[in-house]
Amino acid sequence: MKTKAKKNVGMGLIVPSKNCTDKHCPFHGDLKLHGRVFEGKVINKNLHKTVNVEWERISYLSKFERYSKSRSRVKAHNPDCIGAEVGDHAMIVETRPISKTKKFVVVKVNK
């Protein structure tokens, strides 16, 4: 597969300097981004080109006048040019379904 030219995906993201031939890469492939944006911590990288991203949120329960902490975990596609590792803080963006459980893609990593 030929490498495509780098494209700007919007949202003020910097295009990675490393090239990849992944067709599910938003920068070098055909994947379009839309929908929700989350930031979380990469907690697992055991699957092929997939990472688990987790983030916590705090919500107020008016009945009990207390705050509750809950967390969400999502599987996201990890392109070769991004290369997120366990422990990194990653920004993920919603896209079309890539597989049965993957509907997000990693677009930015803060080590």
N, C-alpha and C. Protein backbone atom coordinates (compact mmCIF):
# COMPACT_ATOMS: atom_id res chain seq x y z
N MET A 1 0.84 -1.18 0.00
CA MET A 1 0.00 0.00 0.00
C MET A 1 0.88 1.24 0.00
N LYS A 2 0.57 2.18 -0.85
CA LYS A 2 1.34 3.41 -0.92
C LYS A 2 1.04 4.29 0.28
N THR A 3 2.03 5.07 0.69
CA THR A 3 1.79 6.02 1.75
C THR A 3 1.15 7.26 1.17
N LYS A 4 0.08 7.70 1.78
CA LYS A 4 -0.62 8.89 1.32
C LYS A 4 0.04 10.13 1.91
N ALA A 5 -0.28 11.25 1.33
CA ALA A 5 0.20 12.51 1.87
C ALA A 5 -0.46 12.76 3.22
N LYS A 6 0.25 13.46 4.08
CA LYS A 6 -0.31 13.78 5.39
C LYS A 6 -1.46 14.76 5.21
N LYS A 7 -2.49 14.58 6.03
CA LYS A 7 -3.63 15.49 5.92
C LYS A 7 -3.93 16.10 7.28
N ASN A 8 -4.49 17.27 7.25
CA ASN A 8 -4.88 17.98 8.45
C ASN A 8 -6.27 17.51 8.84
N VAL A 9 -6.42 16.97 10.06
CA VAL A 9 -7.71 16.45 10.49
C VAL A 9 -8.50 17.47 11.29
N GLY A 10 -7.96 18.67 11.47
CA GLY A 10 -8.66 19.70 12.22
C GLY A 10 -8.40 19.60 13.71
N MET A 11 -9.14 20.34 14.49
CA MET A 11 -9.07 20.35 15.95
C MET A 11 -7.71 20.80 16.47
N GLY A 12 -6.91 21.46 15.66
CA GLY A 12 -5.62 21.97 16.11
C GLY A 12 -4.60 20.89 16.43
N LEU A 13 -4.72 19.73 15.81
CA LEU A 13 -3.80 18.62 16.07
C LEU A 13 -2.57 18.72 15.18
N ILE A 14 -1.43 18.35 15.73
CA ILE A 14 -0.18 18.34 14.97
C ILE A 14 -0.05 16.98 14.29
N VAL A 15 0.25 16.99 13.00
CA VAL A 15 0.41 15.74 12.24
C VAL A 15 1.70 15.07 12.69
N PRO A 16 1.67 13.77 13.03
CA PRO A 16 2.89 13.09 13.48
C PRO A 16 3.95 13.04 12.38
N SER A 17 5.21 13.13 12.78
CA SER A 17 6.30 13.12 11.80
C SER A 17 6.55 11.72 11.26
N LYS A 18 6.19 10.70 12.03
CA LYS A 18 6.39 9.31 11.61
C LYS A 18 5.29 8.91 10.63
N ASN A 19 5.66 8.28 9.51
CA ASN A 19 4.70 7.82 8.52
C ASN A 19 4.19 6.43 8.88
N CYS A 20 2.99 6.11 8.39
CA CYS A 20 2.45 4.76 8.56
C CYS A 20 1.62 4.41 7.33
N THR A 21 1.34 3.13 7.17
CA THR A 21 0.54 2.66 6.04
C THR A 21 -0.80 2.11 6.51
N ASP A 22 -1.23 2.52 7.69
CA ASP A 22 -2.47 2.04 8.28
C ASP A 22 -3.66 2.74 7.62
N LYS A 23 -4.61 1.97 7.09
CA LYS A 23 -5.77 2.59 6.44
C LYS A 23 -6.75 3.18 7.46
N HIS A 24 -6.61 2.81 8.74
CA HIS A 24 -7.47 3.36 9.79
C HIS A 24 -6.81 4.51 10.54
N CYS A 25 -5.77 5.09 9.97
CA CYS A 25 -5.09 6.24 10.58
C CYS A 25 -5.78 7.52 10.11
N PRO A 26 -6.14 8.43 11.02
CA PRO A 26 -6.79 9.66 10.57
C PRO A 26 -5.85 10.61 9.83
N PHE A 27 -4.54 10.47 10.02
CA PHE A 27 -3.58 11.36 9.37
C PHE A 27 -3.08 10.82 8.03
N HIS A 28 -2.89 9.50 7.90
CA HIS A 28 -2.32 8.91 6.69
C HIS A 28 -3.28 7.97 5.96
N GLY A 29 -4.44 7.71 6.52
CA GLY A 29 -5.39 6.78 5.93
C GLY A 29 -6.67 7.47 5.50
N ASP A 30 -7.76 6.70 5.47
CA ASP A 30 -9.04 7.20 4.98
C ASP A 30 -10.05 7.46 6.10
N LEU A 31 -9.63 7.45 7.34
CA LEU A 31 -10.55 7.56 8.47
C LEU A 31 -10.93 9.01 8.73
N LYS A 32 -12.24 9.28 8.84
CA LYS A 32 -12.72 10.62 9.15
C LYS A 32 -13.13 10.68 10.61
N LEU A 33 -12.90 11.82 11.23
CA LEU A 33 -13.21 12.02 12.65
C LEU A 33 -14.48 12.84 12.80
N HIS A 34 -15.29 12.47 13.79
CA HIS A 34 -16.50 13.22 14.12
C HIS A 34 -16.95 12.79 15.49
N GLY A 35 -17.78 13.57 16.10
CA GLY A 35 -18.38 13.14 17.36
C GLY A 35 -17.60 13.55 18.59
N ARG A 36 -17.66 12.70 19.61
CA ARG A 36 -17.15 13.03 20.93
C ARG A 36 -15.63 12.94 21.02
N VAL A 37 -15.06 13.72 21.93
CA VAL A 37 -13.62 13.75 22.18
C VAL A 37 -13.41 13.51 23.67
N PHE A 38 -12.53 12.57 24.02
CA PHE A 38 -12.22 12.27 25.41
C PHE A 38 -10.72 12.26 25.62
N GLU A 39 -10.30 12.51 26.85
CA GLU A 39 -8.90 12.38 27.24
C GLU A 39 -8.85 11.44 28.42
N GLY A 40 -7.91 10.49 28.37
CA GLY A 40 -7.79 9.53 29.45
C GLY A 40 -6.42 8.90 29.47
N LYS A 41 -6.27 7.90 30.33
CA LYS A 41 -5.00 7.22 30.52
C LYS A 41 -5.05 5.86 29.84
N VAL A 42 -3.98 5.50 29.14
CA VAL A 42 -3.90 4.19 28.50
C VAL A 42 -3.59 3.17 29.58
N ILE A 43 -4.47 2.16 29.73
CA ILE A 43 -4.29 1.18 30.80
C ILE A 43 -3.92 -0.20 30.28
N ASN A 44 -4.08 -0.45 28.99
CA ASN A 44 -3.79 -1.78 28.45
C ASN A 44 -3.44 -1.65 26.98
N LYS A 45 -2.44 -2.44 26.55
CA LYS A 45 -2.01 -2.39 25.15
C LYS A 45 -1.76 -3.80 24.62
N ASN A 46 -2.45 -4.80 25.13
CA ASN A 46 -2.17 -6.18 24.77
C ASN A 46 -2.77 -6.60 23.43
N LEU A 47 -3.73 -5.87 22.92
CA LEU A 47 -4.38 -6.24 21.67
C LEU A 47 -3.66 -5.61 20.49
N HIS A 48 -3.83 -6.19 19.30
CA HIS A 48 -3.14 -5.72 18.10
C HIS A 48 -3.68 -4.37 17.66
N LYS A 49 -2.85 -3.33 17.67
CA LYS A 49 -3.20 -1.96 17.27
C LYS A 49 -4.40 -1.42 18.03
N THR A 50 -4.57 -1.85 19.28
CA THR A 50 -5.70 -1.41 20.09
C THR A 50 -5.21 -1.09 21.50
N VAL A 51 -5.75 -0.04 22.09
CA VAL A 51 -5.45 0.30 23.47
C VAL A 51 -6.75 0.50 24.23
N ASN A 52 -6.72 0.24 25.54
CA ASN A 52 -7.83 0.56 26.41
C ASN A 52 -7.54 1.90 27.06
N VAL A 53 -8.48 2.81 26.98
CA VAL A 53 -8.33 4.14 27.56
C VAL A 53 -9.39 4.30 28.65
N GLU A 54 -8.96 4.81 29.81
CA GLU A 54 -9.86 4.98 30.95
C GLU A 54 -9.81 6.42 31.42
N TRP A 55 -10.97 6.96 31.80
CA TRP A 55 -11.03 8.29 32.40
C TRP A 55 -12.09 8.29 33.48
N GLU A 56 -11.90 9.17 34.47
CA GLU A 56 -12.83 9.28 35.60
C GLU A 56 -13.61 10.57 35.49
N ARG A 57 -14.80 10.55 36.03
CA ARG A 57 -15.61 11.76 36.09
C ARG A 57 -16.34 11.78 37.43
N ILE A 58 -16.66 12.96 37.89
CA ILE A 58 -17.34 13.15 39.17
C ILE A 58 -18.70 13.75 38.89
N SER A 59 -19.74 13.15 39.48
CA SER A 59 -21.09 13.67 39.31
C SER A 59 -21.72 13.90 40.68
N TYR A 60 -22.59 14.85 40.75
CA TYR A 60 -23.24 15.22 42.01
C TYR A 60 -24.57 14.49 42.13
N LEU A 61 -24.80 13.85 43.29
CA LEU A 61 -26.06 13.18 43.58
C LEU A 61 -26.85 14.07 44.53
N SER A 62 -27.90 14.72 44.03
CA SER A 62 -28.62 15.69 44.84
C SER A 62 -29.41 15.03 45.98
N LYS A 63 -29.85 13.81 45.78
CA LYS A 63 -30.61 13.12 46.82
C LYS A 63 -29.78 12.92 48.08
N PHE A 64 -28.51 12.55 47.89
CA PHE A 64 -27.63 12.27 49.02
C PHE A 64 -26.69 13.43 49.34
N GLU A 65 -26.73 14.48 48.54
CA GLU A 65 -25.86 15.64 48.71
C GLU A 65 -24.39 15.22 48.78
N ARG A 66 -24.01 14.36 47.89
CA ARG A 66 -22.64 13.84 47.83
C ARG A 66 -22.21 13.78 46.36
N TYR A 67 -20.93 13.59 46.19
CA TYR A 67 -20.36 13.39 44.86
C TYR A 67 -20.03 11.92 44.69
N SER A 68 -20.23 11.40 43.49
CA SER A 68 -19.84 10.02 43.19
C SER A 68 -18.82 10.04 42.07
N LYS A 69 -17.89 9.12 42.17
CA LYS A 69 -16.84 9.02 41.16
C LYS A 69 -17.14 7.79 40.31
N SER A 70 -17.12 7.96 39.01
CA SER A 70 -17.33 6.83 38.11
C SER A 70 -16.27 6.89 37.03
N ARG A 71 -16.04 5.77 36.37
CA ARG A 71 -15.02 5.73 35.33
C ARG A 71 -15.57 5.05 34.09
N SER A 72 -14.98 5.38 32.98
CA SER A 72 -15.36 4.78 31.70
C SER A 72 -14.12 4.19 31.06
N ARG A 73 -14.29 3.06 30.41
CA ARG A 73 -13.21 2.41 29.67
C ARG A 73 -13.68 2.17 28.25
N VAL A 74 -12.81 2.50 27.30
CA VAL A 74 -13.14 2.38 25.89
C VAL A 74 -11.94 1.81 25.16
N LYS A 75 -12.21 0.95 24.18
CA LYS A 75 -11.14 0.48 23.30
C LYS A 75 -10.99 1.47 22.15
N ALA A 76 -9.74 1.79 21.82
CA ALA A 76 -9.47 2.75 20.75
C ALA A 76 -8.38 2.22 19.85
N HIS A 77 -8.46 2.58 18.57
CA HIS A 77 -7.44 2.17 17.60
C HIS A 77 -6.17 2.98 17.82
N ASN A 78 -5.02 2.31 17.79
CA ASN A 78 -3.73 2.94 18.03
C ASN A 78 -2.89 2.84 16.76
N PRO A 79 -2.88 3.87 15.90
CA PRO A 79 -2.10 3.81 14.66
C PRO A 79 -0.60 3.72 14.95
N ASP A 80 0.15 3.21 13.96
CA ASP A 80 1.60 3.06 14.13
C ASP A 80 2.29 4.40 14.31
N CYS A 81 1.80 5.44 13.67
CA CYS A 81 2.46 6.75 13.76
C CYS A 81 2.25 7.41 15.12
N ILE A 82 1.23 7.00 15.88
CA ILE A 82 0.98 7.56 17.21
C ILE A 82 1.76 6.77 18.26
N GLY A 83 1.56 5.45 18.31
CA GLY A 83 2.32 4.58 19.20
C GLY A 83 2.12 4.86 20.68
N ALA A 84 0.89 4.88 21.16
CA ALA A 84 0.62 5.10 22.58
C ALA A 84 1.06 3.89 23.39
N GLU A 85 1.63 4.14 24.56
CA GLU A 85 2.09 3.10 25.47
C GLU A 85 1.28 3.15 26.75
N VAL A 86 1.38 2.09 27.57
CA VAL A 86 0.66 2.03 28.84
C VAL A 86 1.18 3.14 29.75
N GLY A 87 0.26 3.87 30.36
CA GLY A 87 0.62 4.97 31.25
C GLY A 87 0.57 6.34 30.60
N ASP A 88 0.49 6.40 29.28
CA ASP A 88 0.42 7.68 28.57
C ASP A 88 -0.99 8.28 28.70
N HIS A 89 -1.07 9.60 28.63
CA HIS A 89 -2.36 10.28 28.57
C HIS A 89 -2.68 10.52 27.10
N ALA A 90 -3.81 10.00 26.65
CA ALA A 90 -4.15 10.03 25.23
C ALA A 90 -5.44 10.78 25.00
N MET A 91 -5.53 11.43 23.85
CA MET A 91 -6.76 12.06 23.40
C MET A 91 -7.36 11.16 22.33
N ILE A 92 -8.63 10.77 22.53
CA ILE A 92 -9.30 9.90 21.57
C ILE A 92 -10.51 10.63 21.00
N VAL A 93 -10.82 10.32 19.74
CA VAL A 93 -11.93 10.95 19.03
C VAL A 93 -12.80 9.86 18.43
N GLU A 94 -14.10 10.09 18.45
CA GLU A 94 -15.06 9.13 17.90
C GLU A 94 -14.97 9.11 16.38
N THR A 95 -15.21 7.94 15.81
CA THR A 95 -15.18 7.76 14.36
C THR A 95 -16.18 6.65 14.00
N ARG A 96 -16.18 6.25 12.77
CA ARG A 96 -17.07 5.15 12.38
C ARG A 96 -16.58 3.86 13.05
N PRO A 97 -17.43 2.83 13.17
CA PRO A 97 -16.97 1.58 13.79
C PRO A 97 -15.85 0.93 12.99
N ILE A 98 -14.73 0.66 13.67
CA ILE A 98 -13.59 0.00 13.05
C ILE A 98 -13.73 -1.51 13.22
N SER A 99 -14.26 -1.93 14.36
CA SER A 99 -14.53 -3.35 14.61
C SER A 99 -15.75 -3.42 15.53
N LYS A 100 -15.99 -4.58 16.10
CA LYS A 100 -17.16 -4.76 16.96
C LYS A 100 -17.13 -3.84 18.18
N THR A 101 -15.95 -3.64 18.76
CA THR A 101 -15.85 -2.85 19.98
C THR A 101 -15.09 -1.53 19.82
N LYS A 102 -14.43 -1.31 18.69
CA LYS A 102 -13.63 -0.10 18.50
C LYS A 102 -14.39 0.94 17.69
N LYS A 103 -14.67 2.07 18.34
CA LYS A 103 -15.33 3.18 17.66
C LYS A 103 -14.60 4.49 17.91
N PHE A 104 -13.39 4.41 18.46
CA PHE A 104 -12.56 5.58 18.74
C PHE A 104 -11.17 5.36 18.17
N VAL A 105 -10.43 6.45 17.98
CA VAL A 105 -9.05 6.37 17.50
C VAL A 105 -8.21 7.37 18.29
N VAL A 106 -6.97 6.97 18.61
CA VAL A 106 -6.04 7.85 19.34
C VAL A 106 -5.47 8.86 18.35
N VAL A 107 -5.54 10.15 18.69
CA VAL A 107 -5.03 11.18 17.80
C VAL A 107 -3.88 11.97 18.41
N LYS A 108 -3.70 11.88 19.73
CA LYS A 108 -2.65 12.66 20.39
C LYS A 108 -2.23 11.95 21.67
N VAL A 109 -0.92 11.98 21.96
CA VAL A 109 -0.40 11.32 23.16
C VAL A 109 0.48 12.30 23.91
N ASN A 110 0.26 12.40 25.22
CA ASN A 110 1.14 13.15 26.12
C ASN A 110 1.82 12.14 27.03
N LYS A 111 3.12 12.04 26.92
CA LYS A 111 3.85 11.03 27.70
C LYS A 111 4.01 11.46 29.13
